[in-house]
Every structure is written in structure tokens, then in C-alpha cells.
Amino acid sequence: PKSFPPLRDEAAVRVLRGPMRGIQGHCNSCYMDAALFSLFSCTSVLDSMLFMPFPLCGRNVQGILRDEIVNPLRRSGFVRASSVMHLREQLTDKGQCSSFTNAEKDPEEFLNLIMQQILGMEPLLKLQSGGREQDCYCYQIFLEQQEDLVVPNVQQLVERSFLASDLKLVEIPSCFIIQMPRFGKEYKMFSKILPSLELDITDLLLDSPRECCLCGAVATLECL
């Protein structure tokens, strides 16, 4: 099948900016629209989802994802709501959950269904908490109210969330999908979150050698 590379630099601005651009929303599809746009518009890290024959690979889902959503998004910058609905109908059949076509879902539920149950991908993240390892496909930031953070960036939110949950990355992930803090229509924890164009995970890695903040030598103790 013909494929289109992800959009970069000036091409991304030219193709994605303006009216009738992005993924058209319809019937509570915003969680899926935002996730698909983030995963495929400007990066090829997860392009294996479009082509590789995974163990459980659902060919219909893979074909719709590639030919009706990702390729049009990268080619013309616009995806019709009917294409996303086609995918939602397939997810409903595969996931045995009728509400995928009309209800708002958590992005993590969508990613787990398509990556784990339909394609059979290996987990993208290995986390450790309290000596126990867990595998997952994305990481959702959980935080208590942060009075000192008015307009935080992603780096700050990830670090504080890992600290609050006593988490470490067991290994450097090939792809680090991060879901921002949830909020409803009535309450927003942060009015804005600044994207961090680079994410430093040095302090988040388990058993990673780091320098002492006082003398510059290799640290032997960590103060949370």
C-alpha cells in the first residue's frame, strides 16, 4: 500500500494550518481524534502499527487506520469524520463494546484496545513501583492540585507525577505516550500546559547513573 511520510517543519505548518484541517470531530470522537493526530501526524515512531503483521493483527482495523486516516492526514491535512466512524465501528466489533461509536472514552482505553487486543503489540513502557514491574502502552499523569504550577510544561508534570506515584522507568522506552491530566467541563487543573519539545528522562530511569548536584561526581544517594 502507498504510504506518506509524517509531516515535518514547514510542510507541517503548510498542510495542517487553516480551516478544514486536522481530524473532523463527530459524536464524542474528540478523545480518539486527538490521540490519532498526536500519534501519526508528525512522527513515524508508531508506523509499525500500519504495516507490520502483528500476532493478533486485525487487517480491517490496520487498513482503515492506514488508508482512511493516517495517509489522508499526512497527504492533505484533513480526515473526515466518516473515516473515524468507520474505525470506531470496527473497534466496537472487536472490543465487544457498543459505546465506542457514540460515547466519549478514555484515550488509554482506546490505545489498549487497538494496540493490545486487536494488533497484539508488545507494551511500550515498563514501569516499576515499590519493587514491582508493570507493562503498559501509555502513561497518564496523576497529580494533586499544584499551587506553585500556574502554567506548567510537560517536563514538570511528568517528573512530579512520577515522584508522587513512586515510579521509575525500567528502561528507555521506544515510544513514550503521555496523557495530560484529566479535567471536566466545570473544573480545569491547568488552564494551559506548555509542550516540552524535548523530554529529559534521566532522573526517571531506574538505576541510571547520575551526577551529584553538589560535587559533580557519580551520585550514590537520591533525595526525593
C-alpha atoms as a PDB file:
ATOM      1  CA  PRO A   1       0.000   0.000   0.000  1.00  0.00           C
ATOM      2  CA  LYS A   2       1.144   3.528  -0.714  1.00  0.00           C
ATOM      3  CA  SER A   3       2.325   5.398   2.346  1.00  0.00           C
ATOM      4  CA  PHE A   4       3.056   9.029   3.127  1.00  0.00           C
ATOM      5  CA  PRO A   5       5.804  10.203   5.482  1.00  0.00           C
ATOM      6  CA  PRO A   6       4.946  12.243   8.571  1.00  0.00           C
ATOM      7  CA  LEU A   7       4.792  15.999   8.177  1.00  0.00           C
ATOM      8  CA  ARG A   8       7.811  17.989   9.318  1.00  0.00           C
ATOM      9  CA  ASP A   9       8.809  21.634   9.749  1.00  0.00           C
ATOM     10  CA  GLU A  10       7.441  23.992   7.068  1.00  0.00           C
ATOM     11  CA  ALA A  11       5.443  21.206   5.430  1.00  0.00           C
ATOM     12  CA  ALA A  12       3.603  20.530   8.682  1.00  0.00           C
ATOM     13  CA  VAL A  13       2.654  24.195   9.024  1.00  0.00           C
ATOM     14  CA  ARG A  14       1.569  24.440   5.386  1.00  0.00           C
ATOM     15  CA  VAL A  15      -0.530  21.285   5.381  1.00  0.00           C
ATOM     16  CA  LEU A  16      -2.032  21.380   8.884  1.00  0.00           C
ATOM     17  CA  ARG A  17      -2.760  25.072   9.462  1.00  0.00           C
ATOM     18  CA  GLY A  18      -6.040  26.694   8.486  1.00  0.00           C
ATOM     19  CA  PRO A  19      -9.738  25.833   8.216  1.00  0.00           C
ATOM     20  CA  MET A  20     -10.825  22.257   7.454  1.00  0.00           C
ATOM     21  CA  ARG A  21      -7.603  20.818   8.787  1.00  0.00           C
ATOM     22  CA  GLY A  22      -6.962  18.030  11.269  1.00  0.00           C
ATOM     23  CA  ILE A  23      -9.437  15.263  12.110  1.00  0.00           C
ATOM     24  CA  GLN A  24     -13.108  16.190  11.934  1.00  0.00           C
ATOM     25  CA  GLY A  25     -14.965  15.610  15.185  1.00  0.00           C
ATOM     26  CA  HIS A  26     -18.311  13.865  15.400  1.00  0.00           C
ATOM     27  CA  CYS A  27     -20.355  12.211  18.147  1.00  0.00           C
ATOM     28  CA  ASN A  28     -17.870  12.388  21.056  1.00  0.00           C
ATOM     29  CA  SER A  29     -14.857  11.394  18.953  1.00  0.00           C
ATOM     30  CA  CYS A  30     -12.515  14.043  20.414  1.00  0.00           C
ATOM     31  CA  TYR A  31     -10.536  11.576  22.555  1.00  0.00           C
ATOM     32  CA  MET A  32      -9.771   9.435  19.512  1.00  0.00           C
ATOM     33  CA  ASP A  33      -9.176  12.377  17.145  1.00  0.00           C
ATOM     34  CA  ALA A  34      -6.611  13.932  19.478  1.00  0.00           C
ATOM     35  CA  ALA A  35      -4.857  10.596  20.089  1.00  0.00           C
ATOM     36  CA  LEU A  36      -4.620   9.700  16.390  1.00  0.00           C
ATOM     37  CA  PHE A  37      -3.405  13.174  15.437  1.00  0.00           C
ATOM     38  CA  SER A  38      -0.708  13.060  18.145  1.00  0.00           C
ATOM     39  CA  LEU A  39       0.472   9.563  17.241  1.00  0.00           C
ATOM     40  CA  PHE A  40       0.698   9.897  13.461  1.00  0.00           C
ATOM     41  CA  SER A  41       0.597  13.429  12.024  1.00  0.00           C
ATOM     42  CA  CYS A  42       4.220  14.433  12.608  1.00  0.00           C
ATOM     43  CA  THR A  43       6.038  11.287  13.752  1.00  0.00           C
ATOM     44  CA  SER A  44       6.712   7.826  12.348  1.00  0.00           C
ATOM     45  CA  VAL A  45       7.541   6.167  15.691  1.00  0.00           C
ATOM     46  CA  LEU A  46       4.362   4.067  15.586  1.00  0.00           C
ATOM     47  CA  ASP A  47       4.156   3.474  11.837  1.00  0.00           C
ATOM     48  CA  SER A  48       4.703  -0.223  12.545  1.00  0.00           C
ATOM     49  CA  MET A  49       1.018  -0.225  13.559  1.00  0.00           C
ATOM     50  CA  LEU A  50       0.147   0.486   9.929  1.00  0.00           C
ATOM     51  CA  PHE A  51       2.183  -2.213   8.205  1.00  0.00           C
ATOM     52  CA  MET A  52       3.603  -4.937  10.453  1.00  0.00           C
ATOM     53  CA  PRO A  53       1.758  -8.276  10.695  1.00  0.00           C
ATOM     54  CA  PHE A  54       1.380  -8.424  14.467  1.00  0.00           C
ATOM     55  CA  PRO A  55       0.318 -11.712  16.143  1.00  0.00           C
ATOM     56  CA  LEU A  56      -3.339 -10.745  16.507  1.00  0.00           C
ATOM     57  CA  CYS A  57      -3.302  -8.287  13.634  1.00  0.00           C
ATOM     58  CA  GLY A  58      -6.785  -7.124  12.707  1.00  0.00           C
ATOM     59  CA  ARG A  59      -6.351  -6.412   8.998  1.00  0.00           C
ATOM     60  CA  ASN A  60      -9.541  -4.370   8.700  1.00  0.00           C
ATOM     61  CA  VAL A  61      -8.534  -2.070  11.535  1.00  0.00           C
ATOM     62  CA  GLN A  62      -4.987  -1.750  10.241  1.00  0.00           C
ATOM     63  CA  GLY A  63      -6.189  -0.928   6.714  1.00  0.00           C
ATOM     64  CA  ILE A  64      -8.694   1.698   7.881  1.00  0.00           C
ATOM     65  CA  LEU A  65      -6.123   3.280  10.161  1.00  0.00           C
ATOM     66  CA  ARG A  66      -3.531   3.487   7.368  1.00  0.00           C
ATOM     67  CA  ASP A  67      -5.615   4.242   4.259  1.00  0.00           C
ATOM     68  CA  GLU A  68      -8.532   6.256   5.629  1.00  0.00           C
ATOM     69  CA  ILE A  69      -6.922   8.194   8.484  1.00  0.00           C
ATOM     70  CA  VAL A  70      -3.119   8.423   8.530  1.00  0.00           C
ATOM     71  CA  ASN A  71      -2.462   8.750   4.797  1.00  0.00           C
ATOM     72  CA  PRO A  72      -5.150  11.444   4.216  1.00  0.00           C
ATOM     73  CA  LEU A  73      -3.938  13.326   7.300  1.00  0.00           C
ATOM     74  CA  ARG A  74      -0.355  13.386   6.035  1.00  0.00           C
ATOM     75  CA  ARG A  75      -1.307  13.966   2.408  1.00  0.00           C
ATOM     76  CA  SER A  76      -3.901  16.745   2.696  1.00  0.00           C
ATOM     77  CA  GLY A  77      -4.062  17.554   6.408  1.00  0.00           C
ATOM     78  CA  PHE A  78      -7.725  16.593   6.743  1.00  0.00           C
ATOM     79  CA  VAL A  79      -9.601  13.443   7.792  1.00  0.00           C
ATOM     80  CA  ARG A  80     -13.385  13.187   7.504  1.00  0.00           C
ATOM     81  CA  ALA A  81     -15.489  12.169  10.473  1.00  0.00           C
ATOM     82  CA  SER A  82     -16.888   9.249   8.451  1.00  0.00           C
ATOM     83  CA  SER A  83     -13.417   7.680   8.303  1.00  0.00           C
ATOM     84  CA  VAL A  84     -13.038   7.842  12.068  1.00  0.00           C
ATOM     85  CA  MET A  85     -16.554   6.439  12.458  1.00  0.00           C
ATOM     86  CA  HIS A  86     -15.558   3.528  10.215  1.00  0.00           C
ATOM     87  CA  LEU A  87     -12.696   2.807  12.607  1.00  0.00           C
ATOM     88  CA  ARG A  88     -14.980   3.170  15.640  1.00  0.00           C
ATOM     89  CA  GLU A  89     -17.398   0.646  14.173  1.00  0.00           C
ATOM     90  CA  GLN A  90     -14.558  -1.855  13.739  1.00  0.00           C
ATOM     91  CA  LEU A  91     -13.404  -1.229  17.308  1.00  0.00           C
ATOM     92  CA  THR A  92     -16.953  -1.842  18.506  1.00  0.00           C
ATOM     93  CA  ASP A  93     -16.981  -5.215  16.777  1.00  0.00           C
ATOM     94  CA  LYS A  94     -13.519  -6.211  18.004  1.00  0.00           C
ATOM     95  CA  GLY A  95     -13.856  -4.871  21.511  1.00  0.00           C
ATOM     96  CA  GLN A  96     -17.394  -6.106  22.103  1.00  0.00           C
ATOM     97  CA  CYS A  97     -18.330  -2.661  23.410  1.00  0.00           C
ATOM     98  CA  SER A  98     -21.194  -0.903  21.650  1.00  0.00           C
ATOM     99  CA  SER A  99     -20.402   2.532  23.100  1.00  0.00           C
ATOM    100  CA  PHE A 100     -17.268   3.083  21.007  1.00  0.00           C
ATOM    101  CA  THR A 101     -19.409   4.620  18.251  1.00  0.00           C
ATOM    102  CA  ASN A 102     -21.221   7.218  20.342  1.00  0.00           C
ATOM    103  CA  ALA A 103     -19.676   7.720  23.799  1.00  0.00           C
ATOM    104  CA  GLU A 104     -16.583   9.535  24.955  1.00  0.00           C
ATOM    105  CA  LYS A 105     -13.863   7.172  26.149  1.00  0.00           C
ATOM    106  CA  ASP A 106     -10.575   7.477  27.943  1.00  0.00           C
ATOM    107  CA  PRO A 107      -7.710   7.589  25.403  1.00  0.00           C
ATOM    108  CA  GLU A 108      -5.954   4.844  27.368  1.00  0.00           C
ATOM    109  CA  GLU A 109      -8.915   2.520  26.819  1.00  0.00           C
ATOM    110  CA  PHE A 110      -8.765   3.200  23.076  1.00  0.00           C
ATOM    111  CA  LEU A 111      -5.000   2.623  22.899  1.00  0.00           C
ATOM    112  CA  ASN A 112      -5.149  -0.589  24.932  1.00  0.00           C
ATOM    113  CA  LEU A 113      -7.889  -1.971  22.699  1.00  0.00           C
ATOM    114  CA  ILE A 114      -6.214  -1.226  19.387  1.00  0.00           C
ATOM    115  CA  MET A 115      -2.610  -1.974  20.417  1.00  0.00           C
ATOM    116  CA  GLN A 116      -3.097  -4.949  22.708  1.00  0.00           C
ATOM    117  CA  GLN A 117      -6.330  -6.720  21.800  1.00  0.00           C
ATOM    118  CA  ILE A 118      -6.535  -6.006  18.058  1.00  0.00           C
ATOM    119  CA  LEU A 119      -2.900  -5.811  16.911  1.00  0.00           C
ATOM    120  CA  GLY A 120      -1.163  -7.735  19.685  1.00  0.00           C
ATOM    121  CA  MET A 121       1.712  -5.268  20.088  1.00  0.00           C
ATOM    122  CA  GLU A 122       4.282  -5.579  22.851  1.00  0.00           C
ATOM    123  CA  PRO A 123       3.822  -2.989  25.641  1.00  0.00           C
ATOM    124  CA  LEU A 124       5.689   0.255  25.005  1.00  0.00           C
ATOM    125  CA  LEU A 125       6.511   1.068  28.638  1.00  0.00           C
ATOM    126  CA  LYS A 126       7.990  -0.845  31.548  1.00  0.00           C
ATOM    127  CA  LEU A 127       7.447   0.883  34.886  1.00  0.00           C
ATOM    128  CA  GLN A 128       8.476  -0.037  38.406  1.00  0.00           C
ATOM    129  CA  SER A 129       6.733   0.997  41.609  1.00  0.00           C
ATOM    130  CA  GLY A 130       7.547  -0.395  45.033  1.00  0.00           C
ATOM    131  CA  GLY A 131       9.755  -3.090  43.513  1.00  0.00           C
ATOM    132  CA  ARG A 132       7.017  -4.388  41.214  1.00  0.00           C
ATOM    133  CA  GLU A 133       7.172  -4.054  37.434  1.00  0.00           C
ATOM    134  CA  GLN A 134       4.191  -3.286  35.237  1.00  0.00           C
ATOM    135  CA  ASP A 135       3.824  -3.065  31.447  1.00  0.00           C
ATOM    136  CA  CYS A 136       1.617  -0.533  29.710  1.00  0.00           C
ATOM    137  CA  TYR A 137       1.104   1.285  26.426  1.00  0.00           C
ATOM    138  CA  CYS A 138       0.803   4.855  27.695  1.00  0.00           C
ATOM    139  CA  TYR A 139       1.278   6.833  30.883  1.00  0.00           C
ATOM    140  CA  GLN A 140      -1.440   9.037  32.337  1.00  0.00           C
ATOM    141  CA  ILE A 141      -0.301  11.882  34.576  1.00  0.00           C
ATOM    142  CA  PHE A 142      -1.941  11.920  38.001  1.00  0.00           C
ATOM    143  CA  LEU A 143      -1.358  14.889  40.280  1.00  0.00           C
ATOM    144  CA  GLU A 144      -2.845  16.586  43.280  1.00  0.00           C
ATOM    145  CA  GLN A 145      -3.531  20.297  42.969  1.00  0.00           C
ATOM    146  CA  GLN A 146      -0.209  22.084  42.418  1.00  0.00           C
ATOM    147  CA  GLU A 147      -0.407  25.620  43.805  1.00  0.00           C
ATOM    148  CA  ASP A 148       3.060  26.603  42.569  1.00  0.00           C
ATOM    149  CA  LEU A 149       2.381  25.499  38.986  1.00  0.00           C
ATOM    150  CA  VAL A 150       0.285  28.035  37.082  1.00  0.00           C
ATOM    151  CA  VAL A 151       1.325  27.249  33.505  1.00  0.00           C
ATOM    152  CA  PRO A 152       3.410  24.056  33.754  1.00  0.00           C
ATOM    153  CA  ASN A 153       5.298  22.320  30.984  1.00  0.00           C
ATOM    154  CA  VAL A 154       5.175  18.598  30.246  1.00  0.00           C
ATOM    155  CA  GLN A 155       8.632  18.004  31.775  1.00  0.00           C
ATOM    156  CA  GLN A 156       7.465  19.353  35.142  1.00  0.00           C
ATOM    157  CA  LEU A 157       4.222  17.379  35.106  1.00  0.00           C
ATOM    158  CA  VAL A 158       5.887  14.068  34.243  1.00  0.00           C
ATOM    159  CA  GLU A 159       8.602  14.461  36.885  1.00  0.00           C
ATOM    160  CA  ARG A 160       6.161  15.420  39.641  1.00  0.00           C
ATOM    161  CA  SER A 161       3.749  12.659  38.692  1.00  0.00           C
ATOM    162  CA  PHE A 162       6.495  10.010  38.781  1.00  0.00           C
ATOM    163  CA  LEU A 163       7.664  11.325  42.146  1.00  0.00           C
ATOM    164  CA  ALA A 164       4.170  11.379  43.628  1.00  0.00           C
ATOM    165  CA  SER A 165       3.481   7.805  42.467  1.00  0.00           C
ATOM    166  CA  ASP A 166       6.973   6.472  43.322  1.00  0.00           C
ATOM    167  CA  LEU A 167       7.521   5.354  39.718  1.00  0.00           C
ATOM    168  CA  LYS A 168      10.638   4.680  37.664  1.00  0.00           C
ATOM    169  CA  LEU A 169      11.160   3.680  34.041  1.00  0.00           C
ATOM    170  CA  VAL A 170      12.789   0.248  33.935  1.00  0.00           C
ATOM    171  CA  GLU A 171      14.276   1.002  30.504  1.00  0.00           C
ATOM    172  CA  ILE A 172      14.339   3.754  27.912  1.00  0.00           C
ATOM    173  CA  PRO A 173      11.022   3.441  26.031  1.00  0.00           C
ATOM    174  CA  SER A 174      10.944   3.276  22.249  1.00  0.00           C
ATOM    175  CA  CYS A 175       7.824   5.449  22.397  1.00  0.00           C
ATOM    176  CA  PHE A 176       6.611   7.411  25.420  1.00  0.00           C
ATOM    177  CA  ILE A 177       2.900   8.249  25.086  1.00  0.00           C
ATOM    178  CA  ILE A 178       1.834  10.647  27.835  1.00  0.00           C
ATOM    179  CA  GLN A 179      -1.750  11.601  28.632  1.00  0.00           C
ATOM    180  CA  MET A 180      -2.128  15.009  30.230  1.00  0.00           C
ATOM    181  CA  PRO A 181      -4.078  15.458  33.492  1.00  0.00           C
ATOM    182  CA  ARG A 182      -7.811  14.875  33.061  1.00  0.00           C
ATOM    183  CA  PHE A 183     -10.311  17.666  33.612  1.00  0.00           C
ATOM    184  CA  GLY A 184     -14.042  18.094  33.116  1.00  0.00           C
ATOM    185  CA  LYS A 185     -16.142  20.910  31.740  1.00  0.00           C
ATOM    186  CA  GLU A 186     -16.526  22.547  35.145  1.00  0.00           C
ATOM    187  CA  TYR A 187     -13.016  22.134  36.543  1.00  0.00           C
ATOM    188  CA  LYS A 188      -9.611  22.541  34.950  1.00  0.00           C
ATOM    189  CA  MET A 189      -6.462  21.833  36.944  1.00  0.00           C
ATOM    190  CA  PHE A 190      -4.405  23.923  34.499  1.00  0.00           C
ATOM    191  CA  SER A 191      -5.684  26.473  32.020  1.00  0.00           C
ATOM    192  CA  LYS A 192      -2.704  25.767  29.766  1.00  0.00           C
ATOM    193  CA  ILE A 193       0.127  23.229  29.519  1.00  0.00           C
ATOM    194  CA  LEU A 194       3.262  24.116  27.564  1.00  0.00           C
ATOM    195  CA  PRO A 195       4.598  21.326  25.332  1.00  0.00           C
ATOM    196  CA  SER A 196       8.170  20.300  26.124  1.00  0.00           C
ATOM    197  CA  LEU A 197       9.824  19.794  22.755  1.00  0.00           C
ATOM    198  CA  GLU A 198      12.375  17.508  24.410  1.00  0.00           C
ATOM    199  CA  LEU A 199      11.806  15.309  27.461  1.00  0.00           C
ATOM    200  CA  ASP A 200      14.727  14.561  29.802  1.00  0.00           C
ATOM    201  CA  ILE A 201      14.053  11.181  31.444  1.00  0.00           C
ATOM    202  CA  THR A 202      17.465  10.867  33.132  1.00  0.00           C
ATOM    203  CA  ASP A 203      16.026  11.186  36.645  1.00  0.00           C
ATOM    204  CA  LEU A 204      13.097   8.909  35.800  1.00  0.00           C
ATOM    205  CA  LEU A 205      15.217   5.889  34.834  1.00  0.00           C
ATOM    206  CA  LEU A 206      15.756   3.063  37.289  1.00  0.00           C
ATOM    207  CA  ASP A 207      19.419   2.567  38.323  1.00  0.00           C
ATOM    208  CA  SER A 208      20.613   5.235  35.895  1.00  0.00           C
ATOM    209  CA  PRO A 209      23.981   6.797  36.849  1.00  0.00           C
ATOM    210  CA  ARG A 210      23.502  10.475  37.631  1.00  0.00           C
ATOM    211  CA  GLU A 211      25.837  13.163  38.842  1.00  0.00           C
ATOM    212  CA  CYS A 212      25.788  14.584  42.344  1.00  0.00           C
ATOM    213  CA  CYS A 213      24.254  18.058  42.403  1.00  0.00           C
ATOM    214  CA  LEU A 214      26.937  19.205  44.893  1.00  0.00           C
ATOM    215  CA  CYS A 215      30.272  17.776  43.732  1.00  0.00           C
ATOM    216  CA  GLY A 216      29.557  16.569  40.195  1.00  0.00           C
ATOM    217  CA  ALA A 217      30.763  13.009  40.859  1.00  0.00           C
ATOM    218  CA  VAL A 218      28.598   9.953  40.272  1.00  0.00           C
ATOM    219  CA  ALA A 219      25.784  10.089  42.831  1.00  0.00           C
ATOM    220  CA  THR A 220      25.358   7.272  45.330  1.00  0.00           C
ATOM    221  CA  LEU A 221      22.216   8.529  47.064  1.00  0.00           C
ATOM    222  CA  GLU A 222      18.995  10.065  45.803  1.00  0.00           C
ATOM    223  CA  CYS A 223      16.997  12.592  47.788  1.00  0.00           C
ATOM    224  CA  LEU A 224      13.410  12.645  46.625  1.00  0.00           C
END
